[in-house]
Amino acid sequence: MTTAMKSDLAIGKFNQLVKSHATTAPKVPEDLIELIVESFMMADATDEQGQSAFHKLRKASVDLNDLRAMLVKEQVAVIGVRYPLAWDRCVLMRRTLMDIYKREHKVSLERLRGLSKREAKTYVEGLAGITPFVAARTLLLGLGIHGVPVDQATVDVLVEAEVLAEAADPVEVAGLLGRHVRAEDAVEAHTALRRATDRFLASGRVPRLGKKK
């Protein structure tokens, strides 16, 4: 994968991070609402945690509208009160689902597939409650719209891997990566970063790149 990064990012180490954590693209829900819910559960959590929470929510609800109607405390009870940032993420997720219902009069975003990429991006990023990570992941994996999703854990990984000299705002880092990772490489980059993040959250560290193990 060819990238061109700004001087405040270590280009070689970023490319090595992606290469060393390369894996197949994740299988994600085809329904855009389900993808949003899954993405809310994935942020700053391991893949195992995210998938488990997502499936628990779907199992506990009759359909997506029923999930929207669930109270925050009910959603938190489903995923577990000890889930990372459980209350905060459920508050935001429910706010997003309610906004979609208000706009669409149903819990569906399938009409976005008929919009231009610019229109779809504006719509998703403008949803109440949605976070930049959730928006970017939904747009990238659901609609093929370029971007590199970055949460705080991703920033921590980039710092640990010495790609970033110091921590920065996830939105700023996502913008930087989005400008300098080619559109055709975005899914590969996101998948590799997720794998590195998953390992980081599970073990507390990732390998220092550029050094022999």
C-alpha atoms as a PDB file:
ATOM      1  CA  MET A   1       0.000   0.000   0.000  1.00  0.00           C
ATOM      2  CA  THR A   2       1.380   3.384  -0.987  1.00  0.00           C
ATOM      3  CA  THR A   3       0.788   6.313   1.299  1.00  0.00           C
ATOM      4  CA  ALA A   4       2.085   9.842   1.548  1.00  0.00           C
ATOM      5  CA  MET A   5       2.005  11.162   5.064  1.00  0.00           C
ATOM      6  CA  LYS A   6       2.835  14.535   6.531  1.00  0.00           C
ATOM      7  CA  SER A   7       6.243  14.998   8.107  1.00  0.00           C
ATOM      8  CA  ASP A   8       4.812  14.811  11.643  1.00  0.00           C
ATOM      9  CA  LEU A   9       3.865  11.183  10.976  1.00  0.00           C
ATOM     10  CA  ALA A  10       6.432   8.446  10.407  1.00  0.00           C
ATOM     11  CA  ILE A  11       5.589   7.242   6.905  1.00  0.00           C
ATOM     12  CA  GLY A  12       7.644   4.083   6.998  1.00  0.00           C
ATOM     13  CA  LYS A  13       6.336   3.015  10.372  1.00  0.00           C
ATOM     14  CA  PHE A  14       2.749   3.629   9.331  1.00  0.00           C
ATOM     15  CA  ASN A  15       3.208   1.476   6.232  1.00  0.00           C
ATOM     16  CA  GLN A  16       4.888  -1.200   8.339  1.00  0.00           C
ATOM     17  CA  LEU A  17       2.071  -1.093  10.898  1.00  0.00           C
ATOM     18  CA  VAL A  18      -0.479  -1.670   8.153  1.00  0.00           C
ATOM     19  CA  LYS A  19       1.596  -4.404   6.517  1.00  0.00           C
ATOM     20  CA  SER A  20       2.319  -6.255   9.766  1.00  0.00           C
ATOM     21  CA  HIS A  21      -1.347  -6.220  10.814  1.00  0.00           C
ATOM     22  CA  ALA A  22      -2.866  -6.869   7.395  1.00  0.00           C
ATOM     23  CA  THR A  23      -5.842  -9.199   7.404  1.00  0.00           C
ATOM     24  CA  THR A  24      -8.975  -9.856   5.400  1.00  0.00           C
ATOM     25  CA  ALA A  25     -11.647  -7.190   5.367  1.00  0.00           C
ATOM     26  CA  PRO A  26     -14.272  -7.712   8.082  1.00  0.00           C
ATOM     27  CA  LYS A  27     -17.699  -9.095   7.305  1.00  0.00           C
ATOM     28  CA  VAL A  28     -20.070  -6.339   8.295  1.00  0.00           C
ATOM     29  CA  PRO A  29     -23.867  -6.039   8.384  1.00  0.00           C
ATOM     30  CA  GLU A  30     -25.387  -5.172   5.015  1.00  0.00           C
ATOM     31  CA  ASP A  31     -28.061  -3.056   6.682  1.00  0.00           C
ATOM     32  CA  LEU A  32     -26.707   0.437   7.296  1.00  0.00           C
ATOM     33  CA  ILE A  33     -28.534   0.796  10.617  1.00  0.00           C
ATOM     34  CA  GLU A  34     -27.041  -2.433  11.879  1.00  0.00           C
ATOM     35  CA  LEU A  35     -23.643  -1.206  10.724  1.00  0.00           C
ATOM     36  CA  ILE A  36     -24.115   1.991  12.733  1.00  0.00           C
ATOM     37  CA  VAL A  37     -25.069   0.004  15.832  1.00  0.00           C
ATOM     38  CA  GLU A  38     -22.102  -2.330  15.381  1.00  0.00           C
ATOM     39  CA  SER A  39     -19.771   0.643  14.901  1.00  0.00           C
ATOM     40  CA  PHE A  40     -21.012   2.268  18.112  1.00  0.00           C
ATOM     41  CA  MET A  41     -20.154  -0.951  19.937  1.00  0.00           C
ATOM     42  CA  MET A  42     -16.741  -1.244  18.230  1.00  0.00           C
ATOM     43  CA  ALA A  43     -15.381   2.180  19.172  1.00  0.00           C
ATOM     44  CA  ASP A  44     -12.629   1.917  21.803  1.00  0.00           C
ATOM     45  CA  ALA A  45     -13.451  -1.750  22.358  1.00  0.00           C
ATOM     46  CA  THR A  46     -12.023  -5.029  21.136  1.00  0.00           C
ATOM     47  CA  ASP A  47     -13.589  -6.771  18.159  1.00  0.00           C
ATOM     48  CA  GLU A  48     -14.782  -9.554  20.440  1.00  0.00           C
ATOM     49  CA  GLN A  49     -16.447  -7.060  22.774  1.00  0.00           C
ATOM     50  CA  GLY A  50     -17.992  -5.143  19.896  1.00  0.00           C
ATOM     51  CA  GLN A  51     -19.375  -8.192  18.133  1.00  0.00           C
ATOM     52  CA  SER A  52     -20.721  -9.636  21.366  1.00  0.00           C
ATOM     53  CA  ALA A  53     -22.479  -6.396  22.329  1.00  0.00           C
ATOM     54  CA  PHE A  54     -23.910  -5.956  18.843  1.00  0.00           C
ATOM     55  CA  HIS A  55     -25.362  -9.460  18.750  1.00  0.00           C
ATOM     56  CA  LYS A  56     -26.768  -9.094  22.259  1.00  0.00           C
ATOM     57  CA  LEU A  57     -28.601  -5.920  21.228  1.00  0.00           C
ATOM     58  CA  ARG A  58     -30.019  -7.530  18.099  1.00  0.00           C
ATOM     59  CA  LYS A  59     -31.098 -10.610  20.017  1.00  0.00           C
ATOM     60  CA  ALA A  60     -32.782  -8.492  22.691  1.00  0.00           C
ATOM     61  CA  SER A  61     -34.813  -6.484  20.172  1.00  0.00           C
ATOM     62  CA  VAL A  62     -37.585  -7.600  17.839  1.00  0.00           C
ATOM     63  CA  ASP A  63     -36.319  -5.346  15.052  1.00  0.00           C
ATOM     64  CA  LEU A  64     -34.340  -2.156  14.561  1.00  0.00           C
ATOM     65  CA  ASN A  65     -37.281   0.036  15.487  1.00  0.00           C
ATOM     66  CA  ASP A  66     -37.648  -1.893  18.722  1.00  0.00           C
ATOM     67  CA  LEU A  67     -33.948  -1.290  19.389  1.00  0.00           C
ATOM     68  CA  ARG A  68     -34.505   2.430  18.817  1.00  0.00           C
ATOM     69  CA  ALA A  69     -37.384   2.434  21.273  1.00  0.00           C
ATOM     70  CA  MET A  70     -35.419   0.726  24.040  1.00  0.00           C
ATOM     71  CA  LEU A  71     -34.448   3.015  26.890  1.00  0.00           C
ATOM     72  CA  VAL A  72     -30.783   3.724  27.411  1.00  0.00           C
ATOM     73  CA  LYS A  73     -30.793   1.854  30.712  1.00  0.00           C
ATOM     74  CA  GLU A  74     -32.288  -1.156  28.927  1.00  0.00           C
ATOM     75  CA  GLN A  75     -29.586  -1.077  26.253  1.00  0.00           C
ATOM     76  CA  VAL A  76     -26.888  -0.778  28.889  1.00  0.00           C
ATOM     77  CA  ALA A  77     -28.373  -3.721  30.782  1.00  0.00           C
ATOM     78  CA  VAL A  78     -28.177  -5.787  27.595  1.00  0.00           C
ATOM     79  CA  ILE A  79     -24.516  -5.102  26.819  1.00  0.00           C
ATOM     80  CA  GLY A  80     -23.499  -5.011  30.479  1.00  0.00           C
ATOM     81  CA  VAL A  81     -22.825  -2.100  32.785  1.00  0.00           C
ATOM     82  CA  ARG A  82     -19.106  -2.915  32.757  1.00  0.00           C
ATOM     83  CA  TYR A  83     -18.861  -2.566  29.007  1.00  0.00           C
ATOM     84  CA  PRO A  84     -16.380   0.244  28.188  1.00  0.00           C
ATOM     85  CA  LEU A  85     -18.233   3.571  28.255  1.00  0.00           C
ATOM     86  CA  ALA A  86     -21.493   1.622  28.185  1.00  0.00           C
ATOM     87  CA  TRP A  87     -23.821   4.462  29.210  1.00  0.00           C
ATOM     88  CA  ASP A  88     -22.201   7.124  27.046  1.00  0.00           C
ATOM     89  CA  ARG A  89     -22.171   5.042  23.880  1.00  0.00           C
ATOM     90  CA  CYS A  90     -25.785   3.924  24.343  1.00  0.00           C
ATOM     91  CA  VAL A  91     -26.928   7.514  24.923  1.00  0.00           C
ATOM     92  CA  LEU A  92     -25.300   8.590  21.677  1.00  0.00           C
ATOM     93  CA  MET A  93     -26.477   5.543  19.731  1.00  0.00           C
ATOM     94  CA  ARG A  94     -30.075   5.997  20.796  1.00  0.00           C
ATOM     95  CA  ARG A  95     -29.886   9.690  19.895  1.00  0.00           C
ATOM     96  CA  THR A  96     -28.680   8.740  16.429  1.00  0.00           C
ATOM     97  CA  LEU A  97     -31.402   6.149  15.927  1.00  0.00           C
ATOM     98  CA  MET A  98     -34.049   8.610  17.069  1.00  0.00           C
ATOM     99  CA  ASP A  99     -32.760  11.234  14.637  1.00  0.00           C
ATOM    100  CA  ILE A 100     -32.891   8.740  11.761  1.00  0.00           C
ATOM    101  CA  TYR A 101     -36.480   7.871  12.675  1.00  0.00           C
ATOM    102  CA  LYS A 102     -37.376  11.555  12.834  1.00  0.00           C
ATOM    103  CA  ARG A 103     -35.895  12.185   9.404  1.00  0.00           C
ATOM    104  CA  GLU A 104     -36.973   9.022   7.622  1.00  0.00           C
ATOM    105  CA  HIS A 105     -40.160   8.109   9.552  1.00  0.00           C
ATOM    106  CA  LYS A 106     -38.649   4.651   9.851  1.00  0.00           C
ATOM    107  CA  VAL A 107     -35.388   3.138  11.059  1.00  0.00           C
ATOM    108  CA  SER A 108     -33.701   2.768   7.691  1.00  0.00           C
ATOM    109  CA  LEU A 109     -30.963   4.467   5.709  1.00  0.00           C
ATOM    110  CA  GLU A 110     -31.272   2.456   2.513  1.00  0.00           C
ATOM    111  CA  ARG A 111     -32.234   5.546   0.508  1.00  0.00           C
ATOM    112  CA  LEU A 112     -28.683   6.827   1.052  1.00  0.00           C
ATOM    113  CA  ARG A 113     -27.506   4.270  -1.507  1.00  0.00           C
ATOM    114  CA  GLY A 114     -29.214   6.366  -4.157  1.00  0.00           C
ATOM    115  CA  LEU A 115     -27.576   9.634  -3.126  1.00  0.00           C
ATOM    116  CA  SER A 116     -24.264  11.038  -4.281  1.00  0.00           C
ATOM    117  CA  LYS A 117     -21.281  10.301  -2.061  1.00  0.00           C
ATOM    118  CA  ARG A 118     -21.161  13.931  -1.000  1.00  0.00           C
ATOM    119  CA  GLU A 119     -24.849  13.939  -0.026  1.00  0.00           C
ATOM    120  CA  ALA A 120     -24.599  10.628   1.836  1.00  0.00           C
ATOM    121  CA  LYS A 121     -21.495  11.782   3.704  1.00  0.00           C
ATOM    122  CA  THR A 122     -23.152  15.040   4.750  1.00  0.00           C
ATOM    123  CA  TYR A 123     -26.248  13.165   5.897  1.00  0.00           C
ATOM    124  CA  VAL A 124     -24.444  10.573   8.002  1.00  0.00           C
ATOM    125  CA  GLU A 125     -21.996  13.008   9.573  1.00  0.00           C
ATOM    126  CA  GLY A 126     -24.878  15.327  10.443  1.00  0.00           C
ATOM    127  CA  LEU A 127     -26.867  12.761  12.405  1.00  0.00           C
ATOM    128  CA  ALA A 128     -27.468  13.683  16.034  1.00  0.00           C
ATOM    129  CA  GLY A 129     -25.287  11.706  18.433  1.00  0.00           C
ATOM    130  CA  ILE A 130     -23.110  10.068  15.817  1.00  0.00           C
ATOM    131  CA  THR A 131     -19.383  10.127  16.501  1.00  0.00           C
ATOM    132  CA  PRO A 132     -16.711  10.678  13.838  1.00  0.00           C
ATOM    133  CA  PHE A 133     -15.520   7.061  14.202  1.00  0.00           C
ATOM    134  CA  VAL A 134     -19.016   5.635  13.748  1.00  0.00           C
ATOM    135  CA  ALA A 135     -19.765   7.923  10.824  1.00  0.00           C
ATOM    136  CA  ALA A 136     -16.483   7.144   9.063  1.00  0.00           C
ATOM    137  CA  ARG A 137     -16.788   3.385   9.578  1.00  0.00           C
ATOM    138  CA  THR A 138     -20.388   3.372   8.335  1.00  0.00           C
ATOM    139  CA  LEU A 139     -19.518   5.428   5.276  1.00  0.00           C
ATOM    140  CA  LEU A 140     -16.422   3.390   4.431  1.00  0.00           C
ATOM    141  CA  LEU A 141     -17.712  -0.142   4.970  1.00  0.00           C
ATOM    142  CA  GLY A 142     -21.363   0.465   4.124  1.00  0.00           C
ATOM    143  CA  LEU A 143     -21.230   2.930   1.247  1.00  0.00           C
ATOM    144  CA  GLY A 144     -17.646   2.774   0.019  1.00  0.00           C
ATOM    145  CA  ILE A 145     -17.038   6.424   0.880  1.00  0.00           C
ATOM    146  CA  HIS A 146     -13.403   7.229   1.578  1.00  0.00           C
ATOM    147  CA  GLY A 147     -12.176   7.816   5.109  1.00  0.00           C
ATOM    148  CA  VAL A 148     -10.112   6.158   7.841  1.00  0.00           C
ATOM    149  CA  PRO A 149     -12.067   5.652  11.086  1.00  0.00           C
ATOM    150  CA  VAL A 150     -10.046   6.664  14.142  1.00  0.00           C
ATOM    151  CA  ASP A 151     -11.042   6.386  17.797  1.00  0.00           C
ATOM    152  CA  GLN A 152      -8.921   7.134  20.860  1.00  0.00           C
ATOM    153  CA  ALA A 153      -7.575   3.589  20.978  1.00  0.00           C
ATOM    154  CA  THR A 154      -6.332   3.959  17.400  1.00  0.00           C
ATOM    155  CA  VAL A 155      -4.469   7.117  18.380  1.00  0.00           C
ATOM    156  CA  ASP A 156      -2.909   5.250  21.301  1.00  0.00           C
ATOM    157  CA  VAL A 157      -1.754   2.515  18.918  1.00  0.00           C
ATOM    158  CA  LEU A 158      -0.231   5.027  16.516  1.00  0.00           C
ATOM    159  CA  VAL A 159       1.662   6.635  19.388  1.00  0.00           C
ATOM    160  CA  GLU A 160       2.805   3.278  20.764  1.00  0.00           C
ATOM    161  CA  ALA A 161       3.972   2.239  17.290  1.00  0.00           C
ATOM    162  CA  GLU A 162       5.837   5.560  16.985  1.00  0.00           C
ATOM    163  CA  VAL A 163       3.812   6.565  13.946  1.00  0.00           C
ATOM    164  CA  LEU A 164       2.724   9.643  15.886  1.00  0.00           C
ATOM    165  CA  ALA A 165       5.245  11.446  18.054  1.00  0.00           C
ATOM    166  CA  GLU A 166       2.523  12.376  20.517  1.00  0.00           C
ATOM    167  CA  ALA A 167      -1.193  11.959  21.048  1.00  0.00           C
ATOM    168  CA  ALA A 168      -3.547  14.060  18.954  1.00  0.00           C
ATOM    169  CA  ASP A 169      -7.294  14.466  18.628  1.00  0.00           C
ATOM    170  CA  PRO A 170      -8.822  11.434  16.842  1.00  0.00           C
ATOM    171  CA  VAL A 171     -10.698  13.731  14.446  1.00  0.00           C
ATOM    172  CA  GLU A 172      -7.469  15.461  13.478  1.00  0.00           C
ATOM    173  CA  VAL A 173      -5.682  12.138  12.975  1.00  0.00           C
ATOM    174  CA  ALA A 174      -8.584  10.758  10.932  1.00  0.00           C
ATOM    175  CA  GLY A 175      -8.512  13.832   8.735  1.00  0.00           C
ATOM    176  CA  LEU A 176      -4.792  13.475   8.209  1.00  0.00           C
ATOM    177  CA  LEU A 177      -5.025   9.797   7.325  1.00  0.00           C
ATOM    178  CA  GLY A 178      -8.051  10.424   5.131  1.00  0.00           C
ATOM    179  CA  ARG A 179      -6.100  12.933   3.076  1.00  0.00           C
ATOM    180  CA  HIS A 180      -3.051  10.764   2.671  1.00  0.00           C
ATOM    181  CA  VAL A 181      -4.284   7.171   2.450  1.00  0.00           C
ATOM    182  CA  ARG A 182      -5.554   6.444  -1.036  1.00  0.00           C
ATOM    183  CA  ALA A 183      -9.265   5.716  -1.370  1.00  0.00           C
ATOM    184  CA  GLU A 184      -8.588   2.225  -2.709  1.00  0.00           C
ATOM    185  CA  ASP A 185      -6.413   1.485   0.331  1.00  0.00           C
ATOM    186  CA  ALA A 186      -8.778   2.829   3.002  1.00  0.00           C
ATOM    187  CA  VAL A 187     -10.457  -0.480   3.884  1.00  0.00           C
ATOM    188  CA  GLU A 188      -7.052  -2.189   4.083  1.00  0.00           C
ATOM    189  CA  ALA A 189      -5.739   0.553   6.347  1.00  0.00           C
ATOM    190  CA  HIS A 190      -8.811   0.492   8.587  1.00  0.00           C
ATOM    191  CA  THR A 191      -8.762  -3.298   8.859  1.00  0.00           C
ATOM    192  CA  ALA A 192      -5.086  -3.318   9.814  1.00  0.00           C
ATOM    193  CA  LEU A 193      -5.524  -0.506  12.333  1.00  0.00           C
ATOM    194  CA  ARG A 194      -8.470  -2.334  13.895  1.00  0.00           C
ATOM    195  CA  ARG A 195      -6.373  -5.472  14.253  1.00  0.00           C
ATOM    196  CA  ALA A 196      -3.549  -3.508  15.854  1.00  0.00           C
ATOM    197  CA  THR A 197      -6.028  -1.750  18.134  1.00  0.00           C
ATOM    198  CA  ASP A 198      -7.606  -5.057  19.086  1.00  0.00           C
ATOM    199  CA  ARG A 199      -4.225  -6.411  20.131  1.00  0.00           C
ATOM    200  CA  PHE A 200      -3.407  -3.207  21.974  1.00  0.00           C
ATOM    201  CA  LEU A 201      -6.618  -3.253  23.999  1.00  0.00           C
ATOM    202  CA  ALA A 202      -6.185  -6.932  24.806  1.00  0.00           C
ATOM    203  CA  SER A 203      -2.524  -6.757  25.864  1.00  0.00           C
ATOM    204  CA  GLY A 204      -1.898  -3.094  26.595  1.00  0.00           C
ATOM    205  CA  ARG A 205       0.775  -2.740  23.933  1.00  0.00           C
ATOM    206  CA  VAL A 206       1.654  -3.352  20.289  1.00  0.00           C
ATOM    207  CA  PRO A 207       5.142  -4.207  18.972  1.00  0.00           C
ATOM    208  CA  ARG A 208       7.518  -1.314  18.508  1.00  0.00           C
ATOM    209  CA  LEU A 209       7.867  -1.288  14.759  1.00  0.00           C
ATOM    210  CA  GLY A 210      11.210  -1.077  13.019  1.00  0.00           C
ATOM    211  CA  LYS A 211      12.818  -3.279  15.645  1.00  0.00           C
ATOM    212  CA  LYS A 212      13.383  -6.991  15.613  1.00  0.00           C
ATOM    213  CA  LYS A 213      11.130  -8.935  17.913  1.00  0.00           C
END
